[in-house]
PDB file of all heavy atoms in Angstrom:
ATOM      1  N   GLU A   1       6.636   7.869   7.378  1.00  0.00           N
ATOM      2  CA  GLU A   1       7.521   8.942   7.828  1.00  0.00           C
ATOM      3  C   GLU A   1       7.941   8.742   9.270  1.00  0.00           C
ATOM      4  O   GLU A   1       9.118   8.947   9.632  1.00  0.00           O
ATOM      5  CB  GLU A   1       6.835  10.289   7.635  1.00  0.00           C
ATOM      6  CG  GLU A   1       6.596  10.672   6.175  1.00  0.00           C
ATOM      7  CD  GLU A   1       5.819  11.949   6.036  1.00  0.00           C
ATOM      8  OE1 GLU A   1       5.316  12.475   7.060  1.00  0.00           O
ATOM      9  OE2 GLU A   1       5.665  12.415   4.882  1.00  0.00           O
ATOM     10  N   ILE A   2       6.997   8.321  10.102  1.00  0.00           N
ATOM     11  CA  ILE A   2       7.302   8.115  11.527  1.00  0.00           C
ATOM     12  C   ILE A   2       8.284   6.962  11.680  1.00  0.00           C
ATOM     13  O   ILE A   2       9.241   7.034  12.472  1.00  0.00           O
ATOM     14  CB  ILE A   2       6.009   7.828  12.301  1.00  0.00           C
ATOM     15  CG1 ILE A   2       5.111   9.055  12.328  1.00  0.00           C
ATOM     16  CG2 ILE A   2       6.326   7.355  13.734  1.00  0.00           C
ATOM     17  CD1 ILE A   2       3.711   8.778  12.875  1.00  0.00           C
ATOM     18  N   LEU A   3       8.091   5.899  10.920  1.00  0.00           N
ATOM     19  CA  LEU A   3       8.887   4.685  11.089  1.00  0.00           C
ATOM     20  C   LEU A   3      10.211   4.706  10.310  1.00  0.00           C
ATOM     21  O   LEU A   3      11.030   3.799  10.454  1.00  0.00           O
ATOM     22  CB  LEU A   3       8.077   3.463  10.631  1.00  0.00           C
ATOM     23  CG  LEU A   3       6.819   3.151  11.441  1.00  0.00           C
ATOM     24  CD1 LEU A   3       6.083   1.986  10.814  1.00  0.00           C
ATOM     25  CD2 LEU A   3       7.165   2.842  12.900  1.00  0.00           C
ATOM     26  N   GLN A   4      10.418   5.743   9.508  1.00  0.00           N
ATOM     27  CA  GLN A   4      11.578   5.795   8.610  1.00  0.00           C
ATOM     28  C   GLN A   4      12.915   5.523   9.332  1.00  0.00           C
ATOM     29  O   GLN A   4      13.762   4.791   8.807  1.00  0.00           O
ATOM     30  CB  GLN A   4      11.593   7.139   7.884  1.00  0.00           C
ATOM     31  CG  GLN A   4      12.561   7.217   6.724  1.00  0.00           C
ATOM     32  CD  GLN A   4      13.981   7.540   7.187  1.00  0.00           C
ATOM     33  OE1 GLN A   4      14.164   8.265   8.185  1.00  0.00           O
ATOM     34  NE2 GLN A   4      14.982   7.044   6.483  1.00  0.00           N
ATOM     35  N   PRO A   5      13.159   6.085  10.534  1.00  0.00           N
ATOM     36  CA  PRO A   5      14.439   5.830  11.180  1.00  0.00           C
ATOM     37  C   PRO A   5      14.525   4.484  11.898  1.00  0.00           C
ATOM     38  O   PRO A   5      15.547   4.185  12.498  1.00  0.00           O
ATOM     39  CB  PRO A   5      14.536   6.985  12.177  1.00  0.00           C
ATOM     40  CG  PRO A   5      13.115   7.302  12.545  1.00  0.00           C
ATOM     41  CD  PRO A   5      12.334   7.081  11.269  1.00  0.00           C
ATOM     42  N   SER A   6      13.481   3.692  11.845  1.00  0.00           N
ATOM     43  CA  SER A   6      13.450   2.427  12.595  1.00  0.00           C
ATOM     44  C   SER A   6      13.561   1.234  11.670  1.00  0.00           C
ATOM     45  O   SER A   6      13.611   1.359  10.434  1.00  0.00           O
ATOM     46  CB  SER A   6      12.133   2.328  13.379  1.00  0.00           C
ATOM     47  OG  SER A   6      11.053   1.971  12.535  1.00  0.00           O
ATOM     48  N   SER A   7      13.619   0.064  12.267  1.00  0.00           N
ATOM     49  CA  SER A   7      13.627  -1.193  11.515  1.00  0.00           C
ATOM     50  C   SER A   7      12.248  -1.820  11.422  1.00  0.00           C
ATOM     51  O   SER A   7      12.093  -2.922  10.900  1.00  0.00           O
ATOM     52  CB  SER A   7      14.597  -2.186  12.159  1.00  0.00           C
ATOM     53  OG  SER A   7      14.168  -2.506  13.484  1.00  0.00           O
ATOM     54  N   ILE A   8      11.222  -1.144  11.957  1.00  0.00           N
ATOM     55  CA  ILE A   8       9.858  -1.654  11.957  1.00  0.00           C
ATOM     56  C   ILE A   8       9.305  -1.654  10.548  1.00  0.00           C
ATOM     57  O   ILE A   8       9.407  -0.649   9.820  1.00  0.00           O
ATOM     58  CB  ILE A   8       8.962  -0.859  12.903  1.00  0.00           C
ATOM     59  CG1 ILE A   8       9.488  -0.926  14.336  1.00  0.00           C
ATOM     60  CG2 ILE A   8       7.509  -1.326  12.840  1.00  0.00           C
ATOM     61  CD1 ILE A   8       8.805   0.014  15.291  1.00  0.00           C
ATOM     62  N   LEU A   9       8.694  -2.744  10.139  1.00  0.00           N
ATOM     63  CA  LEU A   9       8.132  -2.888   8.797  1.00  0.00           C
ATOM     64  C   LEU A   9       6.705  -2.372   8.756  1.00  0.00           C
ATOM     65  O   LEU A   9       5.904  -2.662   9.661  1.00  0.00           O
ATOM     66  CB  LEU A   9       8.179  -4.348   8.377  1.00  0.00           C
ATOM     67  CG  LEU A   9       9.548  -5.033   8.382  1.00  0.00           C
ATOM     68  CD1 LEU A   9       9.387  -6.526   8.135  1.00  0.00           C
ATOM     69  CD2 LEU A   9      10.456  -4.400   7.354  1.00  0.00           C
ATOM     70  N   LEU A  10       6.391  -1.647   7.703  1.00  0.00           N
ATOM     71  CA  LEU A  10       5.042  -1.117   7.534  1.00  0.00           C
ATOM     72  C   LEU A  10       4.280  -1.978   6.533  1.00  0.00           C
ATOM     73  O   LEU A  10       4.793  -2.319   5.477  1.00  0.00           O
ATOM     74  CB  LEU A  10       5.118   0.326   7.037  1.00  0.00           C
ATOM     75  CG  LEU A  10       3.795   1.063   6.782  1.00  0.00           C
ATOM     76  CD1 LEU A  10       3.025   1.263   8.091  1.00  0.00           C
ATOM     77  CD2 LEU A  10       4.065   2.411   6.109  1.00  0.00           C
ATOM     78  N   GLY A  11       3.039  -2.289   6.901  1.00  0.00           N
ATOM     79  CA  GLY A  11       2.218  -3.103   6.002  1.00  0.00           C
ATOM     80  C   GLY A  11       0.921  -2.409   5.644  1.00  0.00           C
ATOM     81  O   GLY A  11       0.488  -1.482   6.317  1.00  0.00           O
ATOM     82  N   ALA A  12       0.301  -2.886   4.555  1.00  0.00           N
ATOM     83  CA  ALA A  12      -1.011  -2.414   4.126  1.00  0.00           C
ATOM     84  C   ALA A  12      -2.006  -3.559   4.308  1.00  0.00           C
ATOM     85  O   ALA A  12      -1.627  -4.723   4.336  1.00  0.00           O
ATOM     86  CB  ALA A  12      -0.983  -1.968   2.670  1.00  0.00           C
ATOM     87  N   GLN A  13      -3.286  -3.203   4.411  1.00  0.00           N
ATOM     88  CA  GLN A  13      -4.314  -4.199   4.725  1.00  0.00           C
ATOM     89  C   GLN A  13      -4.896  -4.910   3.512  1.00  0.00           C
ATOM     90  O   GLN A  13      -5.667  -5.858   3.667  1.00  0.00           O
ATOM     91  CB  GLN A  13      -5.433  -3.531   5.533  1.00  0.00           C
ATOM     92  CG  GLN A  13      -4.999  -3.098   6.915  1.00  0.00           C
ATOM     93  CD  GLN A  13      -6.122  -2.547   7.760  1.00  0.00           C
ATOM     94  OE1 GLN A  13      -7.297  -2.792   7.492  1.00  0.00           O
ATOM     95  NE2 GLN A  13      -5.786  -1.844   8.815  1.00  0.00           N
ATOM     96  N   ASP A  14      -4.513  -4.477   2.321  1.00  0.00           N
ATOM     97  CA  ASP A  14      -5.037  -5.132   1.111  1.00  0.00           C
ATOM     98  C   ASP A  14      -4.404  -4.462  -0.095  1.00  0.00           C
ATOM     99  O   ASP A  14      -3.684  -3.452   0.045  1.00  0.00           O
ATOM    100  CB  ASP A  14      -6.573  -4.992   1.038  1.00  0.00           C
ATOM    101  CG  ASP A  14      -7.191  -5.888  -0.041  1.00  0.00           C
ATOM    102  OD1 ASP A  14      -6.604  -6.927  -0.389  1.00  0.00           O
ATOM    103  OD2 ASP A  14      -8.283  -5.548  -0.534  1.00  0.00           O
ATOM    104  N   THR A  15      -4.611  -5.017  -1.269  1.00  0.00           N
ATOM    105  CA  THR A  15      -4.183  -4.386  -2.513  1.00  0.00           C
ATOM    106  C   THR A  15      -5.049  -4.939  -3.650  1.00  0.00           C
ATOM    107  O   THR A  15      -5.750  -5.941  -3.473  1.00  0.00           O
ATOM    108  CB  THR A  15      -2.700  -4.658  -2.806  1.00  0.00           C
ATOM    109  OG1 THR A  15      -2.282  -3.863  -3.908  1.00  0.00           O
ATOM    110  CG2 THR A  15      -2.466  -6.127  -3.188  1.00  0.00           C
ATOM    111  N   HIS A  16      -4.993  -4.262  -4.781  1.00  0.00           N
ATOM    112  CA  HIS A  16      -5.627  -4.798  -5.987  1.00  0.00           C
ATOM    113  C   HIS A  16      -4.592  -5.648  -6.733  1.00  0.00           C
ATOM    114  O   HIS A  16      -3.424  -5.562  -6.477  1.00  0.00           O
ATOM    115  CB  HIS A  16      -6.153  -3.677  -6.875  1.00  0.00           C
ATOM    116  CG  HIS A  16      -7.136  -4.156  -7.894  1.00  0.00           C
ATOM    117  ND1 HIS A  16      -6.752  -4.529  -9.175  1.00  0.00           N
ATOM    118  CD2 HIS A  16      -8.465  -4.313  -7.859  1.00  0.00           C
ATOM    119  CE1 HIS A  16      -7.823  -4.924  -9.854  1.00  0.00           C
ATOM    120  NE2 HIS A  16      -8.873  -4.807  -9.082  1.00  0.00           N
ATOM    121  N   TRP A  17      -5.093  -6.480  -7.653  1.00  0.00           N
ATOM    122  CA  TRP A  17      -4.171  -7.355  -8.389  1.00  0.00           C
ATOM    123  C   TRP A  17      -3.634  -6.706  -9.646  1.00  0.00           C
ATOM    124  O   TRP A  17      -2.725  -7.250 -10.281  1.00  0.00           O
ATOM    125  CB  TRP A  17      -4.829  -8.707  -8.718  1.00  0.00           C
ATOM    126  CG  TRP A  17      -6.102  -8.592  -9.500  1.00  0.00           C
ATOM    127  CD1 TRP A  17      -6.262  -8.306 -10.834  1.00  0.00           C
ATOM    128  CD2 TRP A  17      -7.418  -8.782  -8.998  1.00  0.00           C
ATOM    129  NE1 TRP A  17      -7.579  -8.308 -11.186  1.00  0.00           N
ATOM    130  CE2 TRP A  17      -8.322  -8.603 -10.071  1.00  0.00           C
ATOM    131  CE3 TRP A  17      -7.928  -9.094  -7.718  1.00  0.00           C
ATOM    132  CZ2 TRP A  17      -9.713  -8.730  -9.911  1.00  0.00           C
ATOM    133  CZ3 TRP A  17      -9.310  -9.202  -7.572  1.00  0.00           C
ATOM    134  CH2 TRP A  17     -10.186  -9.012  -8.655  1.00  0.00           C
ATOM    135  N   GLU A  18      -4.177  -5.526 -10.021  1.00  0.00           N
ATOM    136  CA  GLU A  18      -3.635  -4.796 -11.149  1.00  0.00           C
ATOM    137  C   GLU A  18      -2.846  -3.584 -10.650  1.00  0.00           C
ATOM    138  O   GLU A  18      -3.176  -3.013  -9.600  1.00  0.00           O
ATOM    139  CB  GLU A  18      -4.754  -4.324 -12.084  1.00  0.00           C
ATOM    140  CG  GLU A  18      -5.505  -5.439 -12.769  1.00  0.00           C
ATOM    141  CD  GLU A  18      -4.701  -6.162 -13.824  1.00  0.00           C
ATOM    142  OE1 GLU A  18      -3.600  -5.651 -14.178  1.00  0.00           O
ATOM    143  OE2 GLU A  18      -5.144  -7.220 -14.298  1.00  0.00           O
ATOM    144  N   ASP A  19      -1.830  -3.195 -11.390  1.00  0.00           N
ATOM    145  CA  ASP A  19      -1.017  -2.052 -10.997  1.00  0.00           C
ATOM    146  C   ASP A  19      -1.744  -0.734 -11.214  1.00  0.00           C
ATOM    147  O   ASP A  19      -1.495   0.228 -10.473  1.00  0.00           O
ATOM    148  CB  ASP A  19       0.298  -2.046 -11.779  1.00  0.00           C
ATOM    149  CG  ASP A  19       1.216  -3.193 -11.390  1.00  0.00           C
ATOM    150  OD1 ASP A  19       0.864  -3.941 -10.438  1.00  0.00           O
ATOM    151  OD2 ASP A  19       2.277  -3.368 -12.029  1.00  0.00           O
ATOM    152  N   LYS A  20      -2.593  -0.664 -12.232  1.00  0.00           N
ATOM    153  CA  LYS A  20      -3.356   0.563 -12.482  1.00  0.00           C
ATOM    154  C   LYS A  20      -4.555   0.233 -13.346  1.00  0.00           C
ATOM    155  O   LYS A  20      -4.621  -0.829 -13.956  1.00  0.00           O
ATOM    156  CB  LYS A  20      -2.484   1.623 -13.156  1.00  0.00           C
ATOM    157  CG  LYS A  20      -1.952   1.215 -14.533  1.00  0.00           C
ATOM    158  CD  LYS A  20      -1.105   2.337 -15.112  1.00  0.00           C
ATOM    159  CE  LYS A  20      -0.541   1.937 -16.496  1.00  0.00           C
ATOM    160  NZ  LYS A  20       0.298   3.033 -17.058  1.00  0.00           N
ATOM    161  N   GLY A  21      -5.519   1.159 -13.374  1.00  0.00           N
ATOM    162  CA  GLY A  21      -6.682   0.939 -14.240  1.00  0.00           C
ATOM    163  C   GLY A  21      -7.944   1.523 -13.645  1.00  0.00           C
ATOM    164  O   GLY A  21      -7.930   2.234 -12.633  1.00  0.00           O
ATOM    165  N   ALA A  22      -9.067   1.183 -14.268  1.00  0.00           N
ATOM    166  CA  ALA A  22     -10.373   1.697 -13.868  1.00  0.00           C
ATOM    167  C   ALA A  22     -10.948   0.819 -12.757  1.00  0.00           C
ATOM    168  O   ALA A  22     -11.855   0.021 -12.985  1.00  0.00           O
ATOM    169  CB  ALA A  22     -11.315   1.737 -15.073  1.00  0.00           C
ATOM    170  N   PHE A  23     -10.404   0.977 -11.561  1.00  0.00           N
ATOM    171  CA  PHE A  23     -10.812   0.172 -10.414  1.00  0.00           C
ATOM    172  C   PHE A  23     -11.129   1.110  -9.230  1.00  0.00           C
ATOM    173  O   PHE A  23     -10.385   1.163  -8.258  1.00  0.00           O
ATOM    174  CB  PHE A  23      -9.722  -0.844 -10.041  1.00  0.00           C
ATOM    175  CG  PHE A  23      -9.301  -1.730 -11.180  1.00  0.00           C
ATOM    176  CD1 PHE A  23      -8.083  -1.521 -11.810  1.00  0.00           C
ATOM    177  CD2 PHE A  23     -10.148  -2.719 -11.634  1.00  0.00           C
ATOM    178  CE1 PHE A  23      -7.702  -2.329 -12.869  1.00  0.00           C
ATOM    179  CE2 PHE A  23      -9.774  -3.523 -12.699  1.00  0.00           C
ATOM    180  CZ  PHE A  23      -8.556  -3.332 -13.319  1.00  0.00           C
ATOM    181  N   THR A  24     -12.177   1.854  -9.376  1.00  0.00           N
ATOM    182  CA  THR A  24     -12.548   2.873  -8.404  1.00  0.00           C
ATOM    183  C   THR A  24     -12.638   2.285  -6.982  1.00  0.00           C
ATOM    184  O   THR A  24     -13.294   1.265  -6.761  1.00  0.00           O
ATOM    185  CB  THR A  24     -13.906   3.513  -8.770  1.00  0.00           C
ATOM    186  OG1 THR A  24     -13.798   4.098 -10.064  1.00  0.00           O
ATOM    187  CG2 THR A  24     -14.301   4.572  -7.772  1.00  0.00           C
ATOM    188  N   GLY A  25     -11.972   2.954  -6.054  1.00  0.00           N
ATOM    189  CA  GLY A  25     -12.020   2.534  -4.675  1.00  0.00           C
ATOM    190  C   GLY A  25     -10.945   1.534  -4.282  1.00  0.00           C
ATOM    191  O   GLY A  25     -10.769   1.259  -3.099  1.00  0.00           O
ATOM    192  N   GLU A  26     -10.212   1.002  -5.262  1.00  0.00           N
ATOM    193  CA  GLU A  26      -9.145   0.040  -4.966  1.00  0.00           C
ATOM    194  C   GLU A  26      -7.808   0.766  -4.793  1.00  0.00           C
ATOM    195  O   GLU A  26      -7.671   1.950  -5.129  1.00  0.00           O
ATOM    196  CB  GLU A  26      -9.056  -0.995  -6.096  1.00  0.00           C
ATOM    197  CG  GLU A  26     -10.275  -1.892  -6.196  1.00  0.00           C
ATOM    198  CD  GLU A  26     -10.412  -2.791  -4.997  1.00  0.00           C
ATOM    199  OE1 GLU A  26      -9.385  -3.217  -4.430  1.00  0.00           O
ATOM    200  OE2 GLU A  26     -11.552  -3.098  -4.615  1.00  0.00           O
ATOM    201  N   VAL A  27      -6.823   0.046  -4.290  1.00  0.00           N
ATOM    202  CA  VAL A  27      -5.504   0.628  -4.074  1.00  0.00           C
ATOM    203  C   VAL A  27      -4.454  -0.199  -4.829  1.00  0.00           C
ATOM    204  O   VAL A  27      -4.395  -1.410  -4.695  1.00  0.00           O
ATOM    205  CB  VAL A  27      -5.161   0.675  -2.586  1.00  0.00           C
ATOM    206  CG1 VAL A  27      -3.773   1.297  -2.370  1.00  0.00           C
ATOM    207  CG2 VAL A  27      -6.200   1.512  -1.833  1.00  0.00           C
ATOM    208  N   SER A  28      -3.639   0.487  -5.604  1.00  0.00           N
ATOM    209  CA  SER A  28      -2.620  -0.154  -6.438  1.00  0.00           C
ATOM    210  C   SER A  28      -1.436  -0.613  -5.601  1.00  0.00           C
ATOM    211  O   SER A  28      -0.967   0.117  -4.711  1.00  0.00           O
ATOM    212  CB  SER A  28      -2.132   0.832  -7.498  1.00  0.00           C
ATOM    213  OG  SER A  28      -0.917   0.422  -8.051  1.00  0.00           O
TER     214      SER A  28
END
């Protein structure tokens, strides 16, 4: 939301390899 008016790219520090499922604690 803060960066929305800018050209700055937002990144995440990791992801899971599945889009959804029983992966408690992971991020899709």
